[in-house]
Amino acid sequence: MENHHKNNKKKRSGLPTQMGLIFRMAAGGYLMYLAYNIYNSSGEVQGMEKIAFAASIVLFGVIGALVIVQSLRAMQRGEYEGGAGDHRKDSVSSEEEAAKPDRIKFGEPETMPERESEKEE
């Protein structure tokens, strides 16, 4: 049963999905929205709180803008699963080739092809 779960697992490429990039852009937009709202309400604040508000405006604004710019670049370049920038090895399509072990596992007998001379005997 454990082997069945391994075969059904989807291979991950390490790249985000297209929808993941859209969610990142939305999160970046929300951070920029928060920075704008903090900026609008900072007129009512005095003293040390004003410094904290200014720091949070800069922090939220810069991080939000970076997230949006990086996500837009990744979308434009196709750096998402299935995009033009996805350079995964798609040639392994059959389950037999995908299931071949790369290394010999300890505890399992090593199988070697028979030589032609051994087959004749």
N, C-alpha and C. Protein backbone atom coordinates (compact mmCIF):
# COMPACT_ATOMS: atom_id res chain seq x y z
N MET A 1 0.82 -1.19 0.00
CA MET A 1 0.00 0.00 0.00
C MET A 1 0.87 1.25 0.00
N GLU A 2 2.01 1.20 0.69
CA GLU A 2 2.91 2.34 0.73
C GLU A 2 3.46 2.64 -0.66
N ASN A 3 3.75 1.61 -1.43
CA ASN A 3 4.24 1.77 -2.79
C ASN A 3 3.19 2.45 -3.66
N HIS A 4 1.92 2.14 -3.41
CA HIS A 4 0.82 2.75 -4.17
C HIS A 4 0.78 4.26 -3.96
N HIS A 5 1.01 4.69 -2.71
CA HIS A 5 1.02 6.13 -2.41
C HIS A 5 2.19 6.83 -3.08
N LYS A 6 3.33 6.15 -3.16
CA LYS A 6 4.50 6.75 -3.80
C LYS A 6 4.25 6.99 -5.28
N ASN A 7 3.57 6.06 -5.95
CA ASN A 7 3.30 6.20 -7.37
C ASN A 7 2.30 7.31 -7.65
N ASN A 8 1.37 7.54 -6.73
CA ASN A 8 0.34 8.55 -6.94
C ASN A 8 0.79 9.96 -6.59
N LYS A 9 1.91 10.08 -5.88
CA LYS A 9 2.38 11.41 -5.50
C LYS A 9 2.81 12.17 -6.75
N LYS A 10 2.42 13.42 -6.79
CA LYS A 10 2.77 14.27 -7.92
C LYS A 10 4.20 14.77 -7.73
N LYS A 11 5.00 14.72 -8.79
CA LYS A 11 6.36 15.22 -8.70
C LYS A 11 6.32 16.73 -8.66
N ARG A 12 7.02 17.32 -7.70
CA ARG A 12 7.04 18.76 -7.56
C ARG A 12 8.33 19.29 -8.17
N SER A 13 8.21 20.39 -8.86
CA SER A 13 9.36 20.94 -9.56
C SER A 13 10.09 22.00 -8.76
N GLY A 14 9.54 22.43 -7.65
CA GLY A 14 10.14 23.51 -6.89
C GLY A 14 9.69 24.88 -7.37
N LEU A 15 8.92 24.91 -8.42
CA LEU A 15 8.40 26.17 -8.94
C LEU A 15 6.99 26.39 -8.42
N PRO A 16 6.62 27.65 -8.19
CA PRO A 16 5.25 27.91 -7.74
C PRO A 16 4.27 27.71 -8.89
N THR A 17 3.03 27.51 -8.56
CA THR A 17 2.01 27.42 -9.60
C THR A 17 1.64 28.83 -10.04
N GLN A 18 0.94 28.94 -11.14
CA GLN A 18 0.53 30.25 -11.63
C GLN A 18 -0.41 30.91 -10.62
N MET A 19 -1.27 30.13 -10.01
CA MET A 19 -2.18 30.67 -9.01
C MET A 19 -1.41 31.13 -7.77
N GLY A 20 -0.34 30.44 -7.41
CA GLY A 20 0.50 30.85 -6.29
C GLY A 20 1.12 32.21 -6.53
N LEU A 21 1.53 32.48 -7.76
CA LEU A 21 2.08 33.79 -8.07
C LEU A 21 1.00 34.88 -7.98
N ILE A 22 -0.20 34.55 -8.37
CA ILE A 22 -1.30 35.51 -8.26
C ILE A 22 -1.60 35.81 -6.79
N PHE A 23 -1.57 34.78 -5.95
CA PHE A 23 -1.77 35.00 -4.51
C PHE A 23 -0.65 35.84 -3.92
N ARG A 24 0.58 35.65 -4.40
CA ARG A 24 1.69 36.46 -3.91
C ARG A 24 1.48 37.93 -4.30
N MET A 25 1.02 38.16 -5.51
CA MET A 25 0.76 39.55 -5.93
C MET A 25 -0.34 40.17 -5.08
N ALA A 26 -1.36 39.39 -4.76
CA ALA A 26 -2.44 39.90 -3.91
C ALA A 26 -1.91 40.22 -2.50
N ALA A 27 -1.03 39.37 -1.97
CA ALA A 27 -0.45 39.63 -0.65
C ALA A 27 0.42 40.88 -0.68
N GLY A 28 1.17 41.06 -1.75
CA GLY A 28 1.98 42.27 -1.88
C GLY A 28 1.12 43.51 -1.98
N GLY A 29 0.01 43.40 -2.71
CA GLY A 29 -0.92 44.52 -2.81
C GLY A 29 -1.54 44.84 -1.46
N TYR A 30 -1.83 43.82 -0.67
CA TYR A 30 -2.39 44.04 0.66
C TYR A 30 -1.38 44.74 1.57
N LEU A 31 -0.11 44.37 1.47
CA LEU A 31 0.91 45.04 2.27
C LEU A 31 1.03 46.51 1.88
N MET A 32 0.90 46.79 0.59
CA MET A 32 0.95 48.19 0.14
C MET A 32 -0.29 48.95 0.63
N TYR A 33 -1.43 48.29 0.64
CA TYR A 33 -2.66 48.87 1.16
C TYR A 33 -2.52 49.20 2.65
N LEU A 34 -1.92 48.28 3.40
CA LEU A 34 -1.69 48.52 4.82
C LEU A 34 -0.76 49.72 5.03
N ALA A 35 0.29 49.79 4.23
CA ALA A 35 1.21 50.92 4.35
C ALA A 35 0.49 52.24 4.08
N TYR A 36 -0.38 52.25 3.08
CA TYR A 36 -1.14 53.45 2.76
C TYR A 36 -2.08 53.84 3.91
N ASN A 37 -2.77 52.86 4.49
CA ASN A 37 -3.67 53.14 5.61
C ASN A 37 -2.92 53.63 6.84
N ILE A 38 -1.76 53.07 7.10
CA ILE A 38 -0.96 53.53 8.23
C ILE A 38 -0.49 54.96 7.98
N TYR A 39 -0.13 55.25 6.75
CA TYR A 39 0.30 56.61 6.40
C TYR A 39 -0.83 57.62 6.62
N ASN A 40 -2.05 57.24 6.22
CA ASN A 40 -3.20 58.13 6.40
C ASN A 40 -3.52 58.37 7.87
N SER A 41 -3.32 57.38 8.72
CA SER A 41 -3.67 57.53 10.13
C SER A 41 -2.50 58.00 10.99
N SER A 42 -1.34 58.21 10.39
CA SER A 42 -0.17 58.59 11.19
C SER A 42 -0.21 60.05 11.64
N GLY A 43 -1.11 60.85 11.09
CA GLY A 43 -1.21 62.25 11.51
C GLY A 43 -1.71 62.41 12.93
N GLU A 44 -2.43 61.44 13.44
CA GLU A 44 -3.00 61.50 14.78
C GLU A 44 -2.02 61.04 15.85
N VAL A 45 -0.86 60.50 15.45
CA VAL A 45 0.07 59.88 16.38
C VAL A 45 1.20 60.86 16.70
N GLN A 46 1.67 60.82 17.95
CA GLN A 46 2.73 61.72 18.42
C GLN A 46 3.89 60.90 18.99
N GLY A 47 5.08 61.47 19.05
CA GLY A 47 6.23 60.92 19.76
C GLY A 47 6.81 59.66 19.13
N MET A 48 7.14 58.71 20.01
CA MET A 48 7.80 57.47 19.60
C MET A 48 6.92 56.61 18.70
N GLU A 49 5.62 56.72 18.88
CA GLU A 49 4.71 55.94 18.03
C GLU A 49 4.83 56.37 16.58
N LYS A 50 5.12 57.63 16.35
CA LYS A 50 5.26 58.15 14.99
C LYS A 50 6.45 57.48 14.28
N ILE A 51 7.53 57.24 15.04
CA ILE A 51 8.70 56.56 14.47
C ILE A 51 8.34 55.12 14.11
N ALA A 52 7.61 54.44 14.99
CA ALA A 52 7.18 53.07 14.72
C ALA A 52 6.26 53.03 13.50
N PHE A 53 5.38 53.99 13.38
CA PHE A 53 4.48 54.05 12.24
C PHE A 53 5.28 54.27 10.95
N ALA A 54 6.25 55.18 10.99
CA ALA A 54 7.07 55.45 9.80
C ALA A 54 7.85 54.21 9.39
N ALA A 55 8.40 53.50 10.37
CA ALA A 55 9.15 52.27 10.07
C ALA A 55 8.24 51.21 9.45
N SER A 56 7.03 51.08 9.98
CA SER A 56 6.12 50.08 9.43
C SER A 56 5.63 50.48 8.04
N ILE A 57 5.47 51.77 7.78
CA ILE A 57 5.09 52.22 6.44
C ILE A 57 6.16 51.83 5.43
N VAL A 58 7.42 52.12 5.78
CA VAL A 58 8.53 51.79 4.88
C VAL A 58 8.64 50.28 4.70
N LEU A 59 8.59 49.55 5.80
CA LEU A 59 8.73 48.09 5.74
C LEU A 59 7.63 47.45 4.90
N PHE A 60 6.38 47.77 5.18
CA PHE A 60 5.26 47.19 4.43
C PHE A 60 5.31 47.60 2.97
N GLY A 61 5.61 48.87 2.72
CA GLY A 61 5.65 49.36 1.34
C GLY A 61 6.73 48.70 0.51
N VAL A 62 7.94 48.59 1.08
CA VAL A 62 9.06 48.00 0.34
C VAL A 62 8.84 46.51 0.11
N ILE A 63 8.44 45.79 1.15
CA ILE A 63 8.22 44.34 1.00
C ILE A 63 7.07 44.07 0.04
N GLY A 64 5.98 44.83 0.14
CA GLY A 64 4.85 44.65 -0.78
C GLY A 64 5.24 44.89 -2.22
N ALA A 65 6.01 45.96 -2.45
CA ALA A 65 6.44 46.27 -3.82
C ALA A 65 7.37 45.19 -4.36
N LEU A 66 8.31 44.70 -3.52
CA LEU A 66 9.22 43.64 -3.97
C LEU A 66 8.48 42.36 -4.32
N VAL A 67 7.51 41.99 -3.51
CA VAL A 67 6.74 40.76 -3.77
C VAL A 67 5.98 40.90 -5.09
N ILE A 68 5.39 42.06 -5.31
CA ILE A 68 4.64 42.26 -6.56
C ILE A 68 5.56 42.22 -7.76
N VAL A 69 6.69 42.92 -7.68
CA VAL A 69 7.62 42.98 -8.82
C VAL A 69 8.19 41.60 -9.12
N GLN A 70 8.60 40.85 -8.08
CA GLN A 70 9.16 39.51 -8.31
C GLN A 70 8.12 38.57 -8.89
N SER A 71 6.88 38.65 -8.44
CA SER A 71 5.83 37.78 -8.96
C SER A 71 5.50 38.13 -10.41
N LEU A 72 5.46 39.42 -10.72
CA LEU A 72 5.20 39.83 -12.10
C LEU A 72 6.31 39.37 -13.04
N ARG A 73 7.56 39.48 -12.59
CA ARG A 73 8.68 39.00 -13.41
C ARG A 73 8.58 37.49 -13.64
N ALA A 74 8.26 36.75 -12.58
CA ALA A 74 8.14 35.30 -12.72
C ALA A 74 7.00 34.93 -13.67
N MET A 75 5.90 35.68 -13.61
CA MET A 75 4.78 35.42 -14.52
C MET A 75 5.19 35.72 -15.96
N GLN A 76 5.90 36.81 -16.16
CA GLN A 76 6.30 37.22 -17.49
C GLN A 76 7.29 36.22 -18.09
N ARG A 77 8.20 35.70 -17.29
CA ARG A 77 9.20 34.75 -17.76
C ARG A 77 8.66 33.32 -17.84
N GLY A 78 7.48 33.08 -17.30
CA GLY A 78 6.92 31.73 -17.31
C GLY A 78 7.55 30.83 -16.27
N GLU A 79 8.01 31.40 -15.17
CA GLU A 79 8.66 30.62 -14.11
C GLU A 79 7.65 30.07 -13.14
N TYR A 80 6.76 29.25 -13.64
CA TYR A 80 5.77 28.55 -12.83
C TYR A 80 5.57 27.19 -13.44
N GLU A 81 4.95 26.29 -12.69
CA GLU A 81 4.76 24.92 -13.17
C GLU A 81 3.98 24.94 -14.47
N GLY A 82 4.59 24.36 -15.50
CA GLY A 82 3.94 24.29 -16.80
C GLY A 82 4.19 25.50 -17.68
N GLY A 83 4.89 26.50 -17.19
CA GLY A 83 5.17 27.70 -17.96
C GLY A 83 6.37 27.51 -18.88
N ALA A 84 6.68 28.55 -19.64
CA ALA A 84 7.79 28.48 -20.58
C ALA A 84 9.13 28.33 -19.87
N GLY A 85 9.23 28.79 -18.65
CA GLY A 85 10.48 28.69 -17.89
C GLY A 85 10.61 27.41 -17.08
N ASP A 86 9.64 26.51 -17.19
CA ASP A 86 9.68 25.24 -16.46
C ASP A 86 10.52 24.26 -17.26
N HIS A 87 11.74 24.01 -16.81
CA HIS A 87 12.67 23.16 -17.55
C HIS A 87 12.82 21.78 -16.91
N ARG A 88 11.73 21.25 -16.41
CA ARG A 88 11.78 19.90 -15.84
C ARG A 88 11.97 18.89 -16.96
N LYS A 89 12.48 17.75 -16.60
CA LYS A 89 12.67 16.68 -17.57
C LYS A 89 11.32 16.00 -17.77
N ASP A 90 10.68 16.30 -18.89
CA ASP A 90 9.37 15.73 -19.19
C ASP A 90 9.46 14.46 -20.02
N SER A 91 10.68 14.05 -20.36
CA SER A 91 10.81 12.87 -21.22
C SER A 91 10.46 11.58 -20.48
N VAL A 92 10.56 11.57 -19.15
CA VAL A 92 10.21 10.37 -18.38
C VAL A 92 8.71 10.39 -18.18
N SER A 93 8.01 9.70 -19.06
CA SER A 93 6.56 9.70 -18.97
C SER A 93 6.01 8.36 -18.53
N SER A 94 6.73 7.29 -18.81
CA SER A 94 6.19 5.99 -18.44
C SER A 94 6.48 5.70 -16.98
N GLU A 95 5.59 4.97 -16.35
CA GLU A 95 5.76 4.64 -14.94
C GLU A 95 6.95 3.71 -14.73
N GLU A 96 7.26 2.88 -15.72
CA GLU A 96 8.38 1.97 -15.58
C GLU A 96 9.70 2.72 -15.47
N GLU A 97 9.92 3.71 -16.31
CA GLU A 97 11.15 4.47 -16.25
C GLU A 97 11.23 5.31 -14.99
N ALA A 98 10.09 5.82 -14.55
CA ALA A 98 10.08 6.65 -13.34
C ALA A 98 10.31 5.80 -12.10
N ALA A 99 9.95 4.52 -12.15
CA ALA A 99 10.08 3.65 -10.98
C ALA A 99 11.45 3.00 -10.87
N LYS A 100 12.32 3.16 -11.88
CA LYS A 100 13.64 2.55 -11.82
C LYS A 100 14.46 3.18 -10.70
N PRO A 101 15.06 2.34 -9.87
CA PRO A 101 15.90 2.91 -8.80
C PRO A 101 17.22 3.42 -9.37
N ASP A 102 17.71 4.51 -8.81
CA ASP A 102 18.97 5.07 -9.26
C ASP A 102 20.15 4.37 -8.59
N ARG A 103 19.93 3.86 -7.41
CA ARG A 103 20.99 3.23 -6.65
C ARG A 103 20.53 1.88 -6.14
N ILE A 104 21.49 1.07 -5.80
CA ILE A 104 21.19 -0.23 -5.21
C ILE A 104 20.88 0.00 -3.74
N LYS A 105 19.78 -0.54 -3.28
CA LYS A 105 19.39 -0.40 -1.88
C LYS A 105 20.00 -1.53 -1.07
N PHE A 106 20.44 -1.23 0.14
CA PHE A 106 21.01 -2.25 1.00
C PHE A 106 19.92 -3.22 1.43
N GLY A 107 20.28 -4.47 1.51
CA GLY A 107 19.33 -5.49 1.93
C GLY A 107 18.59 -6.14 0.78
N GLU A 108 18.69 -5.57 -0.41
CA GLU A 108 18.04 -6.16 -1.57
C GLU A 108 19.10 -6.82 -2.43
N PRO A 109 18.77 -7.98 -3.04
CA PRO A 109 19.76 -8.64 -3.88
C PRO A 109 20.07 -7.79 -5.12
N GLU A 110 21.32 -7.79 -5.48
CA GLU A 110 21.75 -7.03 -6.65
C GLU A 110 21.49 -7.88 -7.89
N THR A 111 20.83 -7.31 -8.86
CA THR A 111 20.54 -8.04 -10.08
C THR A 111 21.46 -7.52 -11.17
N MET A 112 22.08 -8.48 -11.86
CA MET A 112 22.98 -8.12 -12.96
C MET A 112 22.54 -8.91 -14.19
N PRO A 113 22.71 -8.34 -15.35
CA PRO A 113 22.33 -9.07 -16.56
C PRO A 113 23.25 -10.27 -16.77
N GLU A 114 22.67 -11.34 -17.31
CA GLU A 114 23.46 -12.53 -17.58
C GLU A 114 24.35 -12.32 -18.78
N ARG A 115 25.52 -12.94 -18.72
CA ARG A 115 26.44 -12.85 -19.85
C ARG A 115 25.99 -13.83 -20.94
N GLU A 116 26.38 -13.54 -22.13
CA GLU A 116 26.04 -14.41 -23.26
C GLU A 116 26.60 -15.83 -23.08
N SER A 117 27.80 -15.93 -22.52
CA SER A 117 28.42 -17.25 -22.35
C SER A 117 27.68 -18.08 -21.31
N GLU A 118 27.10 -17.44 -20.30
CA GLU A 118 26.35 -18.16 -19.27
C GLU A 118 25.02 -18.64 -19.81
N LYS A 119 24.43 -17.94 -20.75
CA LYS A 119 23.15 -18.33 -21.31
C LYS A 119 23.27 -19.60 -22.16
N GLU A 120 24.39 -19.76 -22.84
CA GLU A 120 24.57 -20.91 -23.72
C GLU A 120 24.77 -22.20 -22.95
N GLU A 121 25.29 -22.11 -21.73
CA GLU A 121 25.59 -23.32 -20.96
C GLU A 121 24.39 -23.90 -20.39
